[in-house]
Structures are given as C-alpha cells and as structure tokens.
Amino acid sequence: MIASRLRERRVQLGVSVKLKTLTAGQHVESNLATGLIATHEQPDASEMFTDAGALVIVTDVFWLERVNGTLPAITEKHVIVDASSNRYEVVMVQNQGGEGNRLKVMTRALR
C-alpha cells in the first residue's frame, strides 16, 4: 500500500510528538518531534487490552511515513498533538509495510 491511491486520499495532518515525564509529582511535556506529516483515520471505536490488562478504547489511528530515511521513534509514553491542538495518547505502535516504510500509531483522544 506504499504510495497507493488510498494513502493519497487520506486526510493529512501536521502533528507533533511530545514526551510526557513525571517530574516532582507533575507531568511535564517536552517536544520530541515537530512538523511530522501523518495520515489520520477514525475507525469505529474498539477495545484493546494492554500488556498490564487495562482496557483502553482506541479512537484514532495515525500513519506516519519515514523522515530522513527512518521512522519516527514513537512509543507508548508519547502524546501526539495535531495542528488543532487535539491531544492523543499513544496506546500501541506497529511497524507496517514490511521494510519499515510506515508506522501505525493507535491512540485514544485526551480531554
């Protein structure tokens, strides 16, 4: 599906990735990556169990392409912020496309 017409038709968003850390009892965020282009889709909300057994409702999926030849280093401790300042907590990350061509980032919306 790399360079497919389906990918070209998806809505593209500018997103930033922030690292959330706990410092002195407060959550502090710092920019990890800015200016990334992602495609976004909202499948039907689905339930997923984390490794710890917690139930999470997945509401949004972001697809990120390679930047300078490598995929962005996104993990479950990151938060994605789009151009409209909507915030999404990363629930799961999967390397897609066989050769590290795309990154599937499953998220849930933060309020």
C-alpha atoms as a PDB file:
ATOM      1  CA  MET A   1       0.000   0.000   0.000  1.00  0.00           C
ATOM      2  CA  ILE A   2       3.004   2.275  -0.114  1.00  0.00           C
ATOM      3  CA  ALA A   3       2.325   5.182  -2.499  1.00  0.00           C
ATOM      4  CA  SER A   4      -1.160   3.836  -3.154  1.00  0.00           C
ATOM      5  CA  ARG A   5      -4.167   5.896  -4.154  1.00  0.00           C
ATOM      6  CA  LEU A   6      -5.845   5.048  -0.838  1.00  0.00           C
ATOM      7  CA  ARG A   7      -2.962   6.604   1.097  1.00  0.00           C
ATOM      8  CA  GLU A   8      -3.086   9.679  -1.121  1.00  0.00           C
ATOM      9  CA  ARG A   9      -6.821  10.165  -0.417  1.00  0.00           C
ATOM     10  CA  ARG A  10      -6.484  10.036   3.364  1.00  0.00           C
ATOM     11  CA  VAL A  11      -6.586  13.305   5.279  1.00  0.00           C
ATOM     12  CA  GLN A  12      -3.095  14.534   6.082  1.00  0.00           C
ATOM     13  CA  LEU A  13      -2.314  16.393   9.293  1.00  0.00           C
ATOM     14  CA  GLY A  14       0.703  18.136  10.674  1.00  0.00           C
ATOM     15  CA  VAL A  15       1.485  16.608  14.063  1.00  0.00           C
ATOM     16  CA  SER A  16       3.972  16.970  16.885  1.00  0.00           C
ATOM     17  CA  VAL A  17       5.112  14.228  19.230  1.00  0.00           C
ATOM     18  CA  LYS A  18       5.664  15.098  22.883  1.00  0.00           C
ATOM     19  CA  LEU A  19       7.396  13.108  25.593  1.00  0.00           C
ATOM     20  CA  LYS A  20       5.469  13.003  28.869  1.00  0.00           C
ATOM     21  CA  THR A  21       7.543  12.547  32.037  1.00  0.00           C
ATOM     22  CA  LEU A  22       6.749  12.718  35.735  1.00  0.00           C
ATOM     23  CA  THR A  23       8.881  15.340  37.490  1.00  0.00           C
ATOM     24  CA  ALA A  24       8.321  16.309  41.135  1.00  0.00           C
ATOM     25  CA  GLY A  25       4.799  14.883  41.070  1.00  0.00           C
ATOM     26  CA  GLN A  26       3.816  16.822  37.935  1.00  0.00           C
ATOM     27  CA  HIS A  27       3.577  15.611  34.337  1.00  0.00           C
ATOM     28  CA  VAL A  28       5.940  17.652  32.181  1.00  0.00           C
ATOM     29  CA  GLU A  29       5.902  17.524  28.381  1.00  0.00           C
ATOM     30  CA  SER A  30       8.764  18.248  26.022  1.00  0.00           C
ATOM     31  CA  ASN A  31       8.816  18.236  22.214  1.00  0.00           C
ATOM     32  CA  LEU A  32      10.295  15.082  20.756  1.00  0.00           C
ATOM     33  CA  ALA A  33       9.467  15.710  17.083  1.00  0.00           C
ATOM     34  CA  THR A  34       7.653  18.543  15.335  1.00  0.00           C
ATOM     35  CA  GLY A  35       6.426  19.089  11.805  1.00  0.00           C
ATOM     36  CA  LEU A  36       5.649  15.435  11.077  1.00  0.00           C
ATOM     37  CA  ILE A  37       3.058  14.684   8.401  1.00  0.00           C
ATOM     38  CA  ALA A  38       0.632  11.908   9.272  1.00  0.00           C
ATOM     39  CA  THR A  39      -2.477  10.482   7.706  1.00  0.00           C
ATOM     40  CA  HIS A  40      -5.368  10.080  10.103  1.00  0.00           C
ATOM     41  CA  GLU A  41      -8.348   7.779  10.254  1.00  0.00           C
ATOM     42  CA  GLN A  42     -11.099   7.273  12.779  1.00  0.00           C
ATOM     43  CA  PRO A  43     -12.258   3.675  12.685  1.00  0.00           C
ATOM     44  CA  ASP A  44     -15.133   2.570  14.846  1.00  0.00           C
ATOM     45  CA  ALA A  45     -14.049   2.777  18.464  1.00  0.00           C
ATOM     46  CA  SER A  46     -12.583  -0.541  19.541  1.00  0.00           C
ATOM     47  CA  GLU A  47     -11.475  -2.034  22.816  1.00  0.00           C
ATOM     48  CA  MET A  48      -7.952  -3.245  23.398  1.00  0.00           C
ATOM     49  CA  PHE A  49      -6.201  -4.765  26.401  1.00  0.00           C
ATOM     50  CA  THR A  50      -2.712  -3.527  27.258  1.00  0.00           C
ATOM     51  CA  ASP A  51       0.089  -5.779  28.498  1.00  0.00           C
ATOM     52  CA  ALA A  52      -0.930  -4.891  32.050  1.00  0.00           C
ATOM     53  CA  GLY A  53      -4.516  -5.964  31.362  1.00  0.00           C
ATOM     54  CA  ALA A  54      -6.063  -2.480  31.300  1.00  0.00           C
ATOM     55  CA  LEU A  55      -8.983  -1.897  28.934  1.00  0.00           C
ATOM     56  CA  VAL A  56      -8.413   1.012  26.514  1.00  0.00           C
ATOM     57  CA  ILE A  57     -10.790   2.453  23.917  1.00  0.00           C
ATOM     58  CA  VAL A  58      -8.867   3.127  20.695  1.00  0.00           C
ATOM     59  CA  THR A  59     -10.432   6.038  18.826  1.00  0.00           C
ATOM     60  CA  ASP A  60      -7.875   7.288  16.294  1.00  0.00           C
ATOM     61  CA  VAL A  61      -5.164   5.770  14.127  1.00  0.00           C
ATOM     62  CA  PHE A  62      -2.249   7.778  12.703  1.00  0.00           C
ATOM     63  CA  TRP A  63       0.006   6.535   9.910  1.00  0.00           C
ATOM     64  CA  LEU A  64       3.462   8.110   9.743  1.00  0.00           C
ATOM     65  CA  GLU A  65       5.948   7.828   6.892  1.00  0.00           C
ATOM     66  CA  ARG A  66       9.735   7.786   7.038  1.00  0.00           C
ATOM     67  CA  VAL A  67      11.527  11.026   7.893  1.00  0.00           C
ATOM     68  CA  ASN A  68      15.074  11.306   6.547  1.00  0.00           C
ATOM     69  CA  GLY A  69      15.084   7.578   5.798  1.00  0.00           C
ATOM     70  CA  THR A  70      13.923   6.345   9.224  1.00  0.00           C
ATOM     71  CA  LEU A  71      10.613   6.020  11.020  1.00  0.00           C
ATOM     72  CA  PRO A  72       9.921   8.373  13.936  1.00  0.00           C
ATOM     73  CA  ALA A  73      10.773   6.806  17.303  1.00  0.00           C
ATOM     74  CA  ILE A  74       7.317   6.830  18.889  1.00  0.00           C
ATOM     75  CA  THR A  75       6.391   4.649  21.871  1.00  0.00           C
ATOM     76  CA  GLU A  76       3.548   4.319  24.345  1.00  0.00           C
ATOM     77  CA  LYS A  77       4.946   7.061  26.592  1.00  0.00           C
ATOM     78  CA  HIS A  78       4.356   9.737  23.946  1.00  0.00           C
ATOM     79  CA  VAL A  79       1.486  12.100  23.180  1.00  0.00           C
ATOM     80  CA  ILE A  80       0.550  13.235  19.648  1.00  0.00           C
ATOM     81  CA  VAL A  81      -0.727  16.792  19.205  1.00  0.00           C
ATOM     82  CA  ASP A  82      -2.280  17.808  15.881  1.00  0.00           C
ATOM     83  CA  ALA A  83      -2.465  21.257  14.284  1.00  0.00           C
ATOM     84  CA  SER A  84      -5.818  21.932  16.010  1.00  0.00           C
ATOM     85  CA  SER A  85      -4.234  21.239  19.427  1.00  0.00           C
ATOM     86  CA  ASN A  86      -6.150  17.963  19.804  1.00  0.00           C
ATOM     87  CA  ARG A  87      -4.171  15.606  22.011  1.00  0.00           C
ATOM     88  CA  TYR A  88      -3.918  11.827  21.628  1.00  0.00           C
ATOM     89  CA  GLU A  89      -2.282   9.354  23.993  1.00  0.00           C
ATOM     90  CA  VAL A  90      -0.322   6.645  22.169  1.00  0.00           C
ATOM     91  CA  VAL A  91      -1.680   3.205  23.034  1.00  0.00           C
ATOM     92  CA  MET A  92       0.194   0.969  20.598  1.00  0.00           C
ATOM     93  CA  VAL A  93       2.756   1.349  17.803  1.00  0.00           C
ATOM     94  CA  GLN A  94       3.255  -1.125  14.942  1.00  0.00           C
ATOM     95  CA  ASN A  95       5.849  -1.073  12.181  1.00  0.00           C
ATOM     96  CA  GLN A  96       3.884  -1.632   8.959  1.00  0.00           C
ATOM     97  CA  GLY A  97       4.786  -2.060   5.324  1.00  0.00           C
ATOM     98  CA  GLY A  98       7.314  -4.839   5.680  1.00  0.00           C
ATOM     99  CA  GLU A  99      10.520  -2.831   5.430  1.00  0.00           C
ATOM    100  CA  GLY A 100       9.939  -0.089   7.945  1.00  0.00           C
ATOM    101  CA  ASN A 101       8.030   2.022   5.456  1.00  0.00           C
ATOM    102  CA  ARG A 102       5.156   3.136   7.667  1.00  0.00           C
ATOM    103  CA  LEU A 103       4.328   3.370  11.343  1.00  0.00           C
ATOM    104  CA  LYS A 104       0.804   2.630  12.573  1.00  0.00           C
ATOM    105  CA  VAL A 105       0.116   4.535  15.798  1.00  0.00           C
ATOM    106  CA  MET A 106      -3.085   3.627  17.639  1.00  0.00           C
ATOM    107  CA  THR A 107      -4.262   6.314  20.059  1.00  0.00           C
ATOM    108  CA  ARG A 108      -7.052   7.466  22.302  1.00  0.00           C
ATOM    109  CA  ALA A 109      -8.214  11.044  22.478  1.00  0.00           C
ATOM    110  CA  LEU A 110      -7.335  13.009  25.622  1.00  0.00           C
ATOM    111  CA  ARG A 111      -9.712  15.532  27.054  1.00  0.00           C
END
